[in-house]
Amino acid sequence: MAYDSSLDQQLLAQEFAGEKGKVTVSIYSYNNGPKKVQISRSVKNETGTFTFAKLGRLTKEELQGILPLLQEALAQL
């Protein structure tokens, strides 16, 4: 079965904005299935708009910024 974006429901989305971009903590449920946490990164490009980037490693500042967001997401699972 192929992925169908119309079945993907976003239940929560909060972001932490840092110096170089933002990290978003979201909760999704696909086809009314189990809730799952997604962590993504966006960075500003030359024009100033945000674009998706590989999450990779977190700085101490980013980790401290998203810890409360992760705890809130955990409470909603």
Protein backbone atom coordinates (compact mmCIF):
# COMPACT_ATOMS: atom_id res chain seq x y z
CA MET A 1 0.00 0.00 0.00
CA ALA A 2 1.45 3.35 -1.04
CA TYR A 3 1.56 6.37 1.26
CA ASP A 4 -1.53 8.59 1.00
CA SER A 5 -1.02 12.07 2.46
CA SER A 6 -4.77 12.55 2.93
CA LEU A 7 -4.69 9.80 5.59
CA ASP A 8 -1.90 11.50 7.57
CA GLN A 9 -3.32 13.59 10.43
CA GLN A 10 -1.16 16.13 12.28
CA LEU A 11 -2.20 16.25 15.94
CA LEU A 12 0.49 18.59 17.32
CA ALA A 13 3.19 20.86 15.91
CA GLN A 14 5.48 23.04 18.00
CA GLU A 15 8.79 24.55 17.03
CA PHE A 16 11.95 25.87 18.61
CA ALA A 17 13.63 28.67 16.67
CA GLY A 18 17.41 28.88 16.98
CA GLU A 19 20.10 31.01 15.37
CA LYS A 20 20.39 29.03 12.14
CA GLY A 21 16.85 27.69 11.77
CA LYS A 22 14.11 25.87 13.60
CA VAL A 23 13.42 22.37 14.91
CA THR A 24 9.82 21.16 14.85
CA VAL A 25 8.34 18.48 17.12
CA SER A 26 5.09 17.04 15.73
CA ILE A 27 2.71 14.20 16.47
CA TYR A 28 1.10 12.38 13.54
CA SER A 29 -1.39 9.57 13.19
CA TYR A 30 -1.62 7.74 9.86
CA ASN A 31 -5.02 6.27 8.95
CA ASN A 32 -6.18 6.58 12.61
CA GLY A 33 -3.27 4.39 13.65
CA PRO A 34 -0.92 4.86 16.61
CA LYS A 35 0.37 8.35 17.36
CA LYS A 36 4.04 8.88 16.44
CA VAL A 37 6.48 11.74 17.08
CA GLN A 38 8.34 13.39 14.22
CA ILE A 39 11.29 15.75 14.69
CA SER A 40 12.35 17.85 11.71
CA ARG A 41 14.70 20.73 10.96
CA SER A 42 14.23 23.77 8.70
CA VAL A 43 16.99 26.21 7.80
CA LYS A 44 16.88 29.60 6.11
CA ASN A 45 18.20 29.74 2.57
CA GLU A 46 19.70 32.75 0.77
CA THR A 47 16.26 34.29 0.13
CA GLY A 48 15.28 34.02 3.80
CA THR A 49 12.65 31.32 3.38
CA PHE A 50 12.75 28.11 5.40
CA THR A 51 13.62 24.85 3.65
CA PHE A 52 13.74 21.26 4.93
CA ALA A 53 17.12 19.99 6.12
CA LYS A 54 18.38 16.70 7.49
CA LEU A 55 17.97 16.71 11.28
CA GLY A 56 21.33 15.08 11.98
CA ARG A 57 22.89 16.27 15.22
CA LEU A 58 21.46 18.76 17.70
CA THR A 59 23.35 21.54 19.44
CA LYS A 60 23.03 21.91 23.20
CA GLU A 61 20.81 24.97 22.64
CA GLU A 62 18.51 23.05 20.30
CA LEU A 63 18.27 20.09 22.65
CA GLN A 64 17.43 22.32 25.61
CA GLY A 65 14.84 24.10 23.45
CA ILE A 66 13.02 20.97 22.29
CA LEU A 67 13.13 19.01 25.57
CA PRO A 68 9.95 20.70 26.89
CA LEU A 69 8.31 20.13 23.50
CA LEU A 70 9.24 16.43 23.61
CA GLN A 71 7.88 16.12 27.14
CA GLU A 72 4.58 17.66 26.07
CA ALA A 73 4.44 15.35 23.04
CA LEU A 74 5.09 12.36 25.31
CA ALA A 75 2.20 13.39 27.53
CA GLN A 76 -0.11 13.40 24.50
CA LEU A 77 0.86 9.95 23.23
